[in-house]
Amino acid sequence: MERVRLADLAEVIRSKNAGPFELTFDIIFPDKEIFEMVRSSGVITRGLVARLYNLPVEHVLHLVFVPAARAVKATIVRPVPSGGVGDTDVYGAQQHAPWLEVEIPLPEPEDEEVEG
């Protein structure tokens, strides 16, 4: 089965603070067909988000697919509060990198009937 990186499918992959104790991620797709393909693949789950950020799944607070925006939104507990000791990204704007390499399986092409 052929797979493609999320970075090659999405128009936007970004992260940002959702308050001082949470990070949110937005993945926005260029069209409805790609959004639906990604959603129906079943790859993007709370478990995936937890693995990407080495967190317990309970720290994945939200995972929402938003068809009207062709987007996926996920929110996690920040491992270090914004501006806290050890924080390396006070705005949370550089935390999206793990999403870039997520691979989505491409659907198998439908067989075309050949008339004989």
PDB file of N, CA and C in Angstrom:
ATOM      1  N   MET A   1       0.845  -1.184   0.000  1.00  0.00           N
ATOM      2  CA  MET A   1       0.000   0.000   0.000  1.00  0.00           C
ATOM      3  C   MET A   1       0.885   1.240   0.000  1.00  0.00           C
ATOM      4  N   GLU A   2       0.587   2.128  -0.896  1.00  0.00           N
ATOM      5  CA  GLU A   2       1.358   3.369  -0.979  1.00  0.00           C
ATOM      6  C   GLU A   2       0.936   4.319   0.142  1.00  0.00           C
ATOM      7  N   ARG A   3       1.917   5.038   0.675  1.00  0.00           N
ATOM      8  CA  ARG A   3       1.670   5.982   1.763  1.00  0.00           C
ATOM      9  C   ARG A   3       2.250   7.338   1.377  1.00  0.00           C
ATOM     10  N   VAL A   4       1.660   8.400   1.947  1.00  0.00           N
ATOM     11  CA  VAL A   4       2.144   9.752   1.673  1.00  0.00           C
ATOM     12  C   VAL A   4       2.219  10.511   3.000  1.00  0.00           C
ATOM     13  N   ARG A   5       3.245  11.350   3.105  1.00  0.00           N
ATOM     14  CA  ARG A   5       3.437  12.120   4.344  1.00  0.00           C
ATOM     15  C   ARG A   5       2.346  13.177   4.492  1.00  0.00           C
ATOM     16  N   LEU A   6       1.933  13.383   5.722  1.00  0.00           N
ATOM     17  CA  LEU A   6       0.938  14.408   6.016  1.00  0.00           C
ATOM     18  C   LEU A   6       1.412  15.772   5.515  1.00  0.00           C
ATOM     19  N   ALA A   7       2.709  16.034   5.620  1.00  0.00           N
ATOM     20  CA  ALA A   7       3.271  17.306   5.141  1.00  0.00           C
ATOM     21  C   ALA A   7       3.034  17.507   3.653  1.00  0.00           C
ATOM     22  N   ASP A   8       2.898  16.422   2.903  1.00  0.00           N
ATOM     23  CA  ASP A   8       2.672  16.528   1.467  1.00  0.00           C
ATOM     24  C   ASP A   8       1.186  16.640   1.117  1.00  0.00           C
ATOM     25  N   LEU A   9       0.323  16.374   2.084  1.00  0.00           N
ATOM     26  CA  LEU A   9      -1.119  16.458   1.857  1.00  0.00           C
ATOM     27  C   LEU A   9      -1.732  17.752   2.379  1.00  0.00           C
ATOM     28  N   ALA A  10      -1.207  18.240   3.480  1.00  0.00           N
ATOM     29  CA  ALA A  10      -1.813  19.387   4.162  1.00  0.00           C
ATOM     30  C   ALA A  10      -1.348  20.705   3.576  1.00  0.00           C
ATOM     31  N   GLU A  11      -2.226  21.676   3.641  1.00  0.00           N
ATOM     32  CA  GLU A  11      -1.901  23.040   3.239  1.00  0.00           C
ATOM     33  C   GLU A  11      -1.193  23.762   4.391  1.00  0.00           C
ATOM     34  N   VAL A  12      -1.630  23.460   5.625  1.00  0.00           N
ATOM     35  CA  VAL A  12      -1.089  24.091   6.824  1.00  0.00           C
ATOM     36  C   VAL A  12      -0.966  23.039   7.913  1.00  0.00           C
ATOM     37  N   ILE A  13       0.172  23.015   8.586  1.00  0.00           N
ATOM     38  CA  ILE A  13       0.354  22.248   9.821  1.00  0.00           C
ATOM     39  C   ILE A  13       1.027  23.209  10.786  1.00  0.00           C
ATOM     40  N   ARG A  14       0.330  23.538  11.884  1.00  0.00           N
ATOM     41  CA  ARG A  14       0.886  24.530  12.799  1.00  0.00           C
ATOM     42  C   ARG A  14       0.541  24.180  14.241  1.00  0.00           C
ATOM     43  N   SER A  15       1.305  24.797  15.136  1.00  0.00           N
ATOM     44  CA  SER A  15       1.051  24.651  16.568  1.00  0.00           C
ATOM     45  C   SER A  15       1.029  26.037  17.191  1.00  0.00           C
ATOM     46  N   LYS A  16       0.354  26.114  18.336  1.00  0.00           N
ATOM     47  CA  LYS A  16       0.308  27.385  19.063  1.00  0.00           C
ATOM     48  C   LYS A  16      -0.195  27.118  20.472  1.00  0.00           C
ATOM     49  N   ASN A  17       0.039  28.064  21.341  1.00  0.00           N
ATOM     50  CA  ASN A  17      -0.479  27.953  22.696  1.00  0.00           C
ATOM     51  C   ASN A  17      -1.996  27.997  22.687  1.00  0.00           C
ATOM     52  N   ALA A  18      -2.574  27.252  23.609  1.00  0.00           N
ATOM     53  CA  ALA A  18      -4.006  27.340  23.889  1.00  0.00           C
ATOM     54  C   ALA A  18      -4.100  27.656  25.378  1.00  0.00           C
ATOM     55  N   GLY A  19      -3.470  28.751  25.747  1.00  0.00           N
ATOM     56  CA  GLY A  19      -3.301  29.099  27.155  1.00  0.00           C
ATOM     57  C   GLY A  19      -1.913  28.656  27.588  1.00  0.00           C
ATOM     58  N   PRO A  20      -1.515  28.949  28.811  1.00  0.00           N
ATOM     59  CA  PRO A  20      -0.152  28.643  29.245  1.00  0.00           C
ATOM     60  C   PRO A  20       0.112  27.159  29.510  1.00  0.00           C
ATOM     61  N   PHE A  21      -0.949  26.347  29.575  1.00  0.00           N
ATOM     62  CA  PHE A  21      -0.772  24.948  29.950  1.00  0.00           C
ATOM     63  C   PHE A  21      -1.178  23.967  28.860  1.00  0.00           C
ATOM     64  N   GLU A  22      -1.540  24.463  27.695  1.00  0.00           N
ATOM     65  CA  GLU A  22      -1.975  23.596  26.604  1.00  0.00           C
ATOM     66  C   GLU A  22      -1.374  24.057  25.280  1.00  0.00           C
ATOM     67  N   LEU A  23      -1.204  23.093  24.368  1.00  0.00           N
ATOM     68  CA  LEU A  23      -0.795  23.361  22.985  1.00  0.00           C
ATOM     69  C   LEU A  23      -1.905  22.871  22.076  1.00  0.00           C
ATOM     70  N   THR A  24      -2.130  23.583  20.997  1.00  0.00           N
ATOM     71  CA  THR A  24      -3.096  23.125  20.019  1.00  0.00           C
ATOM     72  C   THR A  24      -2.414  23.020  18.655  1.00  0.00           C
ATOM     73  N   PHE A  25      -2.884  22.076  17.874  1.00  0.00           N
ATOM     74  CA  PHE A  25      -2.337  21.815  16.541  1.00  0.00           C
ATOM     75  C   PHE A  25      -3.468  21.926  15.537  1.00  0.00           C
ATOM     76  N   ASP A  26      -3.184  22.575  14.436  1.00  0.00           N
ATOM     77  CA  ASP A  26      -4.145  22.693  13.343  1.00  0.00           C
ATOM     78  C   ASP A  26      -3.521  22.065  12.104  1.00  0.00           C
ATOM     79  N   ILE A  27      -4.287  21.210  11.459  1.00  0.00           N
ATOM     80  CA  ILE A  27      -3.882  20.622  10.180  1.00  0.00           C
ATOM     81  C   ILE A  27      -5.009  20.944   9.214  1.00  0.00           C
ATOM     82  N   ILE A  28      -4.689  21.709   8.188  1.00  0.00           N
ATOM     83  CA  ILE A  28      -5.709  22.177   7.251  1.00  0.00           C
ATOM     84  C   ILE A  28      -5.369  21.638   5.862  1.00  0.00           C
ATOM     85  N   PHE A  29      -6.377  21.080   5.203  1.00  0.00           N
ATOM     86  CA  PHE A  29      -6.182  20.443   3.908  1.00  0.00           C
ATOM     87  C   PHE A  29      -6.716  21.332   2.778  1.00  0.00           C
ATOM     88  N   PRO A  30      -6.156  21.186   1.578  1.00  0.00           N
ATOM     89  CA  PRO A  30      -6.537  22.080   0.478  1.00  0.00           C
ATOM     90  C   PRO A  30      -7.940  21.837  -0.067  1.00  0.00           C
ATOM     91  N   ASP A  31      -8.467  20.621   0.116  1.00  0.00           N
ATOM     92  CA  ASP A  31      -9.814  20.361  -0.402  1.00  0.00           C
ATOM     93  C   ASP A  31     -10.497  19.267   0.420  1.00  0.00           C
ATOM     94  N   LYS A  32     -11.788  19.159   0.191  1.00  0.00           N
ATOM     95  CA  LYS A  32     -12.624  18.219   0.944  1.00  0.00           C
ATOM     96  C   LYS A  32     -12.202  16.765   0.695  1.00  0.00           C
ATOM     97  N   GLU A  33     -11.799  16.448  -0.525  1.00  0.00           N
ATOM     98  CA  GLU A  33     -11.438  15.066  -0.856  1.00  0.00           C
ATOM     99  C   GLU A  33     -10.226  14.603  -0.048  1.00  0.00           C
ATOM    100  N   ILE A  34      -9.204  15.441   0.047  1.00  0.00           N
ATOM    101  CA  ILE A  34      -8.015  15.060   0.819  1.00  0.00           C
ATOM    102  C   ILE A  34      -8.367  14.975   2.306  1.00  0.00           C
ATOM    103  N   PHE A  35      -9.132  15.951   2.803  1.00  0.00           N
ATOM    104  CA  PHE A  35      -9.573  15.898   4.203  1.00  0.00           C
ATOM    105  C   PHE A  35     -10.289  14.581   4.488  1.00  0.00           C
ATOM    106  N   GLU A  36     -11.235  14.206   3.643  1.00  0.00           N
ATOM    107  CA  GLU A  36     -12.005  12.967   3.862  1.00  0.00           C
ATOM    108  C   GLU A  36     -11.120  11.732   3.749  1.00  0.00           C
ATOM    109  N   MET A  37     -10.150  11.746   2.834  1.00  0.00           N
ATOM    110  CA  MET A  37      -9.241  10.612   2.705  1.00  0.00           C
ATOM    111  C   MET A  37      -8.444  10.427   3.990  1.00  0.00           C
ATOM    112  N   VAL A  38      -7.929  11.525   4.536  1.00  0.00           N
ATOM    113  CA  VAL A  38      -7.146  11.451   5.768  1.00  0.00           C
ATOM    114  C   VAL A  38      -8.031  11.003   6.923  1.00  0.00           C
ATOM    115  N   ARG A  39      -9.197  11.596   7.041  1.00  0.00           N
ATOM    116  CA  ARG A  39     -10.103  11.226   8.139  1.00  0.00           C
ATOM    117  C   ARG A  39     -10.481   9.751   8.057  1.00  0.00           C
ATOM    118  N   SER A  40     -10.840   9.278   6.880  1.00  0.00           N
ATOM    119  CA  SER A  40     -11.286   7.889   6.746  1.00  0.00           C
ATOM    120  C   SER A  40     -10.143   6.883   6.870  1.00  0.00           C
ATOM    121  N   SER A  41      -8.892   7.347   6.777  1.00  0.00           N
ATOM    122  CA  SER A  41      -7.755   6.427   6.933  1.00  0.00           C
ATOM    123  C   SER A  41      -7.665   5.880   8.352  1.00  0.00           C
ATOM    124  N   GLY A  42      -8.188   6.629   9.317  1.00  0.00           N
ATOM    125  CA  GLY A  42      -8.123   6.195  10.710  1.00  0.00           C
ATOM    126  C   GLY A  42      -6.761   6.358  11.350  1.00  0.00           C
ATOM    127  N   VAL A  43      -5.833   7.004  10.678  1.00  0.00           N
ATOM    128  CA  VAL A  43      -4.473   7.167  11.202  1.00  0.00           C
ATOM    129  C   VAL A  43      -4.435   8.188  12.334  1.00  0.00           C
ATOM    130  N   ILE A  44      -5.156   9.283  12.169  1.00  0.00           N
ATOM    131  CA  ILE A  44      -5.097  10.354  13.170  1.00  0.00           C
ATOM    132  C   ILE A  44      -6.074  10.030  14.298  1.00  0.00           C
ATOM    133  N   THR A  45      -5.494   9.648  15.427  1.00  0.00           N
ATOM    134  CA  THR A  45      -6.257   9.274  16.608  1.00  0.00           C
ATOM    135  C   THR A  45      -5.618   9.921  17.836  1.00  0.00           C
ATOM    136  N   ARG A  46      -6.319   9.857  18.968  1.00  0.00           N
ATOM    137  CA  ARG A  46      -5.737  10.350  20.220  1.00  0.00           C
ATOM    138  C   ARG A  46      -4.475   9.550  20.555  1.00  0.00           C
ATOM    139  N   GLY A  47      -4.460   8.269  20.251  1.00  0.00           N
ATOM    140  CA  GLY A  47      -3.277   7.439  20.486  1.00  0.00           C
ATOM    141  C   GLY A  47      -2.079   7.908  19.677  1.00  0.00           C
ATOM    142  N   LEU A  48      -2.315   8.271  18.416  1.00  0.00           N
ATOM    143  CA  LEU A  48      -1.224   8.796  17.583  1.00  0.00           C
ATOM    144  C   LEU A  48      -0.665  10.070  18.192  1.00  0.00           C
ATOM    145  N   VAL A  49      -1.544  10.986  18.579  1.00  0.00           N
ATOM    146  CA  VAL A  49      -1.091  12.256  19.157  1.00  0.00           C
ATOM    147  C   VAL A  49      -0.264  11.985  20.412  1.00  0.00           C
ATOM    148  N   ALA A  50      -0.731  11.072  21.250  1.00  0.00           N
ATOM    149  CA  ALA A  50       0.009  10.728  22.472  1.00  0.00           C
ATOM    150  C   ALA A  50       1.391  10.179  22.133  1.00  0.00           C
ATOM    151  N   ARG A  51       1.482   9.316  21.128  1.00  0.00           N
ATOM    152  CA  ARG A  51       2.791   8.763  20.724  1.00  0.00           C
ATOM    153  C   ARG A  51       3.700   9.839  20.143  1.00  0.00           C
ATOM    154  N   LEU A  52       3.145  10.732  19.333  1.00  0.00           N
ATOM    155  CA  LEU A  52       3.961  11.786  18.729  1.00  0.00           C
ATOM    156  C   LEU A  52       4.630  12.662  19.777  1.00  0.00           C
ATOM    157  N   TYR A  53       3.927  12.887  20.886  1.00  0.00           N
ATOM    158  CA  TYR A  53       4.431  13.808  21.903  1.00  0.00           C
ATOM    159  C   TYR A  53       4.825  13.101  23.200  1.00  0.00           C
ATOM    160  N   ASN A  54       4.901  11.773  23.144  1.00  0.00           N
ATOM    161  CA  ASN A  54       5.340  10.979  24.288  1.00  0.00           C
ATOM    162  C   ASN A  54       4.552  11.347  25.552  1.00  0.00           C
ATOM    163  N   LEU A  55       3.241  11.334  25.418  1.00  0.00           N
ATOM    164  CA  LEU A  55       2.334  11.700  26.508  1.00  0.00           C
ATOM    165  C   LEU A  55       1.371  10.555  26.789  1.00  0.00           C
ATOM    166  N   PRO A  56       0.835  10.503  27.998  1.00  0.00           N
ATOM    167  CA  PRO A  56      -0.272   9.570  28.212  1.00  0.00           C
ATOM    168  C   PRO A  56      -1.480  10.041  27.400  1.00  0.00           C
ATOM    169  N   VAL A  57      -2.273   9.119  26.920  1.00  0.00           N
ATOM    170  CA  VAL A  57      -3.403   9.476  26.068  1.00  0.00           C
ATOM    171  C   VAL A  57      -4.375  10.424  26.785  1.00  0.00           C
ATOM    172  N   GLU A  58      -4.403  10.388  28.108  1.00  0.00           N
ATOM    173  CA  GLU A  58      -5.280  11.296  28.859  1.00  0.00           C
ATOM    174  C   GLU A  58      -4.858  12.758  28.697  1.00  0.00           C
ATOM    175  N   HIS A  59      -3.628  12.986  28.285  1.00  0.00           N
ATOM    176  CA  HIS A  59      -3.151  14.356  28.085  1.00  0.00           C
ATOM    177  C   HIS A  59      -3.475  14.891  26.690  1.00  0.00           C
ATOM    178  N   VAL A  60      -4.118  14.066  25.884  1.00  0.00           N
ATOM    179  CA  VAL A  60      -4.656  14.537  24.601  1.00  0.00           C
ATOM    180  C   VAL A  60      -6.083  14.976  24.920  1.00  0.00           C
ATOM    181  N   LEU A  61      -6.260  16.275  25.076  1.00  0.00           N
ATOM    182  CA  LEU A  61      -7.525  16.805  25.578  1.00  0.00           C
ATOM    183  C   LEU A  61      -8.626  16.835  24.532  1.00  0.00           C
ATOM    184  N   HIS A  62      -8.256  17.117  23.291  1.00  0.00           N
ATOM    185  CA  HIS A  62      -9.244  17.205  22.216  1.00  0.00           C
ATOM    186  C   HIS A  62      -8.629  16.707  20.919  1.00  0.00           C
ATOM    187  N   LEU A  63      -9.436  16.047  20.130  1.00  0.00           N
ATOM    188  CA  LEU A  63      -9.094  15.706  18.756  1.00  0.00           C
ATOM    189  C   LEU A  63     -10.392  15.829  17.978  1.00  0.00           C
ATOM    190  N   VAL A  64     -10.450  16.825  17.102  1.00  0.00           N
ATOM    191  CA  VAL A  64     -11.689  17.137  16.407  1.00  0.00           C
ATOM    192  C   VAL A  64     -11.423  17.248  14.909  1.00  0.00           C
ATOM    193  N   PHE A  65     -12.275  16.592  14.127  1.00  0.00           N
ATOM    194  CA  PHE A  65     -12.258  16.753  12.673  1.00  0.00           C
ATOM    195  C   PHE A  65     -13.347  17.778  12.337  1.00  0.00           C
ATOM    196  N   VAL A  66     -12.974  18.803  11.576  1.00  0.00           N
ATOM    197  CA  VAL A  66     -13.889  19.911  11.278  1.00  0.00           C
ATOM    198  C   VAL A  66     -14.089  19.977   9.761  1.00  0.00           C
ATOM    199  N   PRO A  67     -15.108  19.268   9.246  1.00  0.00           N
ATOM    200  CA  PRO A  67     -15.300  19.233   7.793  1.00  0.00           C
ATOM    201  C   PRO A  67     -15.463  20.602   7.142  1.00  0.00           C
ATOM    202  N   ALA A  68     -16.184  21.511   7.776  1.00  0.00           N
ATOM    203  CA  ALA A  68     -16.415  22.827   7.170  1.00  0.00           C
ATOM    204  C   ALA A  68     -15.116  23.594   6.950  1.00  0.00           C
ATOM    205  N   ALA A  69     -14.104  23.301   7.765  1.00  0.00           N
ATOM    206  CA  ALA A  69     -12.805  23.973   7.630  1.00  0.00           C
ATOM    207  C   ALA A  69     -11.770  23.077   6.948  1.00  0.00           C
ATOM    208  N   ARG A  70     -12.155  21.843   6.599  1.00  0.00           N
ATOM    209  CA  ARG A  70     -11.222  20.857   6.018  1.00  0.00           C
ATOM    210  C   ARG A  70     -10.009  20.697   6.947  1.00  0.00           C
ATOM    211  N   ALA A  71     -10.273  20.582   8.249  1.00  0.00           N
ATOM    212  CA  ALA A  71      -9.187  20.652   9.231  1.00  0.00           C
ATOM    213  C   ALA A  71      -9.329  19.606  10.332  1.00  0.00           C
ATOM    214  N   VAL A  72      -8.182  19.343  10.952  1.00  0.00           N
ATOM    215  CA  VAL A  72      -8.108  18.539  12.161  1.00  0.00           C
ATOM    216  C   VAL A  72      -7.505  19.437  13.226  1.00  0.00           C
ATOM    217  N   LYS A  73      -8.076  19.401  14.417  1.00  0.00           N
ATOM    218  CA  LYS A  73      -7.566  20.208  15.524  1.00  0.00           C
ATOM    219  C   LYS A  73      -7.339  19.259  16.699  1.00  0.00           C
ATOM    220  N   ALA A  74      -6.151  19.349  17.286  1.00  0.00           N
ATOM    221  CA  ALA A  74      -5.822  18.540  18.464  1.00  0.00           C
ATOM    222  C   ALA A  74      -5.262  19.458  19.538  1.00  0.00           C
ATOM    223  N   THR A  75      -5.596  19.172  20.786  1.00  0.00           N
ATOM    224  CA  THR A  75      -5.073  19.952  21.909  1.00  0.00           C
ATOM    225  C   THR A  75      -4.503  18.994  22.938  1.00  0.00           C
ATOM    226  N   ILE A  76      -3.286  19.317  23.408  1.00  0.00           N
ATOM    227  CA  ILE A  76      -2.610  18.491  24.414  1.00  0.00           C
ATOM    228  C   ILE A  76      -2.206  19.353  25.608  1.00  0.00           C
ATOM    229  N   VAL A  77      -1.937  18.684  26.714  1.00  0.00           N
ATOM    230  CA  VAL A  77      -1.347  19.346  27.872  1.00  0.00           C
ATOM    231  C   VAL A  77       0.103  19.647  27.521  1.00  0.00           C
ATOM    232  N   ARG A  78       0.537  20.886  27.741  1.00  0.00           N
ATOM    233  CA  ARG A  78       1.943  21.240  27.495  1.00  0.00           C
ATOM    234  C   ARG A  78       2.815  20.484  28.487  1.00  0.00           C
ATOM    235  N   PRO A  79       3.887  19.863  28.022  1.00  0.00           N
ATOM    236  CA  PRO A  79       4.802  19.190  28.958  1.00  0.00           C
ATOM    237  C   PRO A  79       5.447  20.159  29.949  1.00  0.00           C
ATOM    238  N   VAL A  80       5.688  21.395  29.506  1.00  0.00           N
ATOM    239  CA  VAL A  80       6.242  22.453  30.357  1.00  0.00           C
ATOM    240  C   VAL A  80       5.369  23.684  30.132  1.00  0.00           C
ATOM    241  N   PRO A  81       4.856  24.318  31.178  1.00  0.00           N
ATOM    242  CA  PRO A  81       4.033  25.507  30.977  1.00  0.00           C
ATOM    243  C   PRO A  81       4.774  26.588  30.186  1.00  0.00           C
ATOM    244  N   SER A  82       4.027  27.349  29.410  1.00  0.00           N
ATOM    245  CA  SER A  82       4.606  28.426  28.627  1.00  0.00           C
ATOM    246  C   SER A  82       5.355  29.393  29.536  1.00  0.00           C
ATOM    247  N   GLY A  83       6.632  29.607  29.241  1.00  0.00           N
ATOM    248  CA  GLY A  83       7.467  30.503  30.027  1.00  0.00           C
ATOM    249  C   GLY A  83       8.030  29.889  31.290  1.00  0.00           C
ATOM    250  N   GLY A  84       7.702  28.621  31.543  1.00  0.00           N
ATOM    251  CA  GLY A  84       8.205  27.950  32.744  1.00  0.00           C
ATOM    252  C   GLY A  84       9.659  27.540  32.591  1.00  0.00           C
ATOM    253  N   VAL A  85      10.260  27.136  33.689  1.00  0.00           N
ATOM    254  CA  VAL A  85      11.643  26.665  33.662  1.00  0.00           C
ATOM    255  C   VAL A  85      11.730  25.468  32.717  1.00  0.00           C
ATOM    256  N   GLY A  86      12.629  25.542  31.763  1.00  0.00           N
ATOM    257  CA  GLY A  86      12.806  24.464  30.797  1.00  0.00           C
ATOM    258  C   GLY A  86      12.005  24.641  29.517  1.00  0.00           C
ATOM    259  N   ASP A  87      11.143  25.654  29.455  1.00  0.00           N
ATOM    260  CA  ASP A  87      10.376  25.892  28.237  1.00  0.00           C
ATOM    261  C   ASP A  87      11.300  26.435  27.155  1.00  0.00           C
ATOM    262  N   THR A  88      11.237  25.842  25.976  1.00  0.00           N
ATOM    263  CA  THR A  88      12.087  26.288  24.868  1.00  0.00           C
ATOM    264  C   THR A  88      11.291  26.962  23.747  1.00  0.00           C
ATOM    265  N   ASP A  89       9.971  27.085  23.934  1.00  0.00           N
ATOM    266  CA  ASP A  89       9.122  27.652  22.888  1.00  0.00           C
ATOM    267  C   ASP A  89       7.925  28.328  23.553  1.00  0.00           C
ATOM    268  N   VAL A  90       8.133  29.538  24.042  1.00  0.00           N
ATOM    269  CA  VAL A  90       7.124  30.225  24.852  1.00  0.00           C
ATOM    270  C   VAL A  90       5.790  30.386  24.123  1.00  0.00           C
ATOM    271  N   TYR A  91       5.811  30.516  22.796  1.00  0.00           N
ATOM    272  CA  TYR A  91       4.571  30.695  22.033  1.00  0.00           C
ATOM    273  C   TYR A  91       3.973  29.376  21.553  1.00  0.00           C
ATOM    274  N   GLY A  92       4.718  28.292  21.688  1.00  0.00           N
ATOM    275  CA  GLY A  92       4.226  27.000  21.227  1.00  0.00           C
ATOM    276  C   GLY A  92       4.153  26.885  19.721  1.00  0.00           C
ATOM    277  N   ALA A  93       4.820  27.762  19.007  1.00  0.00           N
ATOM    278  CA  ALA A  93       4.702  27.831  17.550  1.00  0.00           C
ATOM    279  C   ALA A  93       5.651  26.897  16.803  1.00  0.00           C
ATOM    280  N   GLN A  94       6.509  26.176  17.522  1.00  0.00           N
ATOM    281  CA  GLN A  94       7.475  25.309  16.847  1.00  0.00           C
ATOM    282  C   GLN A  94       7.328  23.856  17.286  1.00  0.00           C
ATOM    283  N   GLN A  95       6.124  23.472  17.658  1.00  0.00           N
ATOM    284  CA  GLN A  95       5.897  22.121  18.180  1.00  0.00           C
ATOM    285  C   GLN A  95       5.196  21.197  17.188  1.00  0.00           C
ATOM    286  N   HIS A  96       5.015  21.634  15.974  1.00  0.00           N
ATOM    287  CA  HIS A  96       4.261  20.862  14.987  1.00  0.00           C
ATOM    288  C   HIS A  96       5.091  19.824  14.227  1.00  0.00           C
ATOM    289  N   ALA A  97       6.400  19.849  14.364  1.00  0.00           N
ATOM    290  CA  ALA A  97       7.275  19.000  13.542  1.00  0.00           C
ATOM    291  C   ALA A  97       6.935  17.507  13.569  1.00  0.00           C
ATOM    292  N   PRO A  98       6.569  16.905  14.697  1.00  0.00           N
ATOM    293  CA  PRO A  98       6.258  15.468  14.652  1.00  0.00           C
ATOM    294  C   PRO A  98       5.132  15.101  13.684  1.00  0.00           C
ATOM    295  N   TRP A  99       4.240  16.013  13.414  1.00  0.00           N
ATOM    296  CA  TRP A  99       3.140  15.728  12.482  1.00  0.00           C
ATOM    297  C   TRP A  99       3.631  15.578  11.039  1.00  0.00           C
ATOM    298  N   LEU A 100       4.722  16.223  10.694  1.00  0.00           N
ATOM    299  CA  LEU A 100       5.155  16.293   9.299  1.00  0.00           C
ATOM    300  C   LEU A 100       5.422  14.927   8.689  1.00  0.00           C
ATOM    301  N   GLU A 101       5.934  14.008   9.476  1.00  0.00           N
ATOM    302  CA  GLU A 101       6.314  12.694   8.950  1.00  0.00           C
ATOM    303  C   GLU A 101       5.241  11.622   9.111  1.00  0.00           C
ATOM    304  N   VAL A 102       4.086  11.978   9.683  1.00  0.00           N
ATOM    305  CA  VAL A 102       2.994  11.007   9.794  1.00  0.00           C
ATOM    306  C   VAL A 102       2.620  10.561   8.388  1.00  0.00           C
ATOM    307  N   GLU A 103       2.475   9.263   8.208  1.00  0.00           N
ATOM    308  CA  GLU A 103       2.154   8.729   6.883  1.00  0.00           C
ATOM    309  C   GLU A 103       0.703   8.288   6.811  1.00  0.00           C
ATOM    310  N   ILE A 104       0.068   8.657   5.722  1.00  0.00           N
ATOM    311  CA  ILE A 104      -1.330   8.327   5.466  1.00  0.00           C
ATOM    312  C   ILE A 104      -1.369   7.359   4.282  1.00  0.00           C
ATOM    313  N   PRO A 105      -2.049   6.211   4.434  1.00  0.00           N
ATOM    314  CA  PRO A 105      -2.149   5.288   3.290  1.00  0.00           C
ATOM    315  C   PRO A 105      -3.075   5.861   2.223  1.00  0.00           C
ATOM    316  N   LEU A 106      -2.646   5.749   0.993  1.00  0.00           N
ATOM    317  CA  LEU A 106      -3.494   6.181  -0.116  1.00  0.00           C
ATOM    318  C   LEU A 106      -4.513   5.085  -0.397  1.00  0.00           C
ATOM    319  N   PRO A 107      -5.735   5.463  -0.736  1.00  0.00           N
ATOM    320  CA  PRO A 107      -6.726   4.438  -1.059  1.00  0.00           C
ATOM    321  C   PRO A 107      -6.314   3.682  -2.320  1.00  0.00           C
ATOM    322  N   GLU A 108      -6.677   2.425  -2.343  1.00  0.00           N
ATOM    323  CA  GLU A 108      -6.400   1.618  -3.533  1.00  0.00           C
ATOM    324  C   GLU A 108      -7.263   2.134  -4.681  1.00  0.00           C
ATOM    325  N   PRO A 109      -6.673   2.245  -5.884  1.00  0.00           N
ATOM    326  CA  PRO A 109      -7.493   2.693  -7.025  1.00  0.00           C
ATOM    327  C   PRO A 109      -8.574   1.654  -7.330  1.00  0.00           C
ATOM    328  N   GLU A 110      -9.723   2.148  -7.696  1.00  0.00           N
ATOM    329  CA  GLU A 110     -10.804   1.233  -8.040  1.00  0.00           C
ATOM    330  C   GLU A 110     -10.514   0.629  -9.405  1.00  0.00           C
ATOM    331  N   ASP A 111     -10.785  -0.681  -9.504  1.00  0.00           N
ATOM    332  CA  ASP A 111     -10.588  -1.359 -10.789  1.00  0.00           C
ATOM    333  C   ASP A 111     -11.620  -0.858 -11.790  1.00  0.00           C
ATOM    334  N   GLU A 112     -11.121  -0.521 -12.971  1.00  0.00           N
ATOM    335  CA  GLU A 112     -12.036  -0.102 -14.035  1.00  0.00           C
ATOM    336  C   GLU A 112     -12.479  -1.337 -14.790  1.00  0.00           C
ATOM    337  N   GLU A 113     -13.769  -1.402 -15.049  1.00  0.00           N
ATOM    338  CA  GLU A 113     -14.274  -2.537 -15.811  1.00  0.00           C
ATOM    339  C   GLU A 113     -13.921  -2.353 -17.275  1.00  0.00           C
ATOM    340  N   VAL A 114     -13.441  -3.406 -17.862  1.00  0.00           N
ATOM    341  CA  VAL A 114     -13.074  -3.367 -19.272  1.00  0.00           C
ATOM    342  C   VAL A 114     -14.164  -4.106 -20.051  1.00  0.00           C
ATOM    343  N   GLU A 115     -14.744  -3.387 -21.006  1.00  0.00           N
ATOM    344  CA  GLU A 115     -15.771  -4.028 -21.816  1.00  0.00           C
ATOM    345  C   GLU A 115     -15.107  -4.804 -22.930  1.00  0.00           C
ATOM    346  N   GLY A 116     -15.648  -5.979 -23.186  1.00  0.00           N
ATOM    347  CA  GLY A 116     -15.001  -6.841 -24.159  1.00  0.00           C
ATOM    348  C   GLY A 116     -15.792  -7.076 -25.296  1.00  0.00           C
TER     349      GLY A 116
END
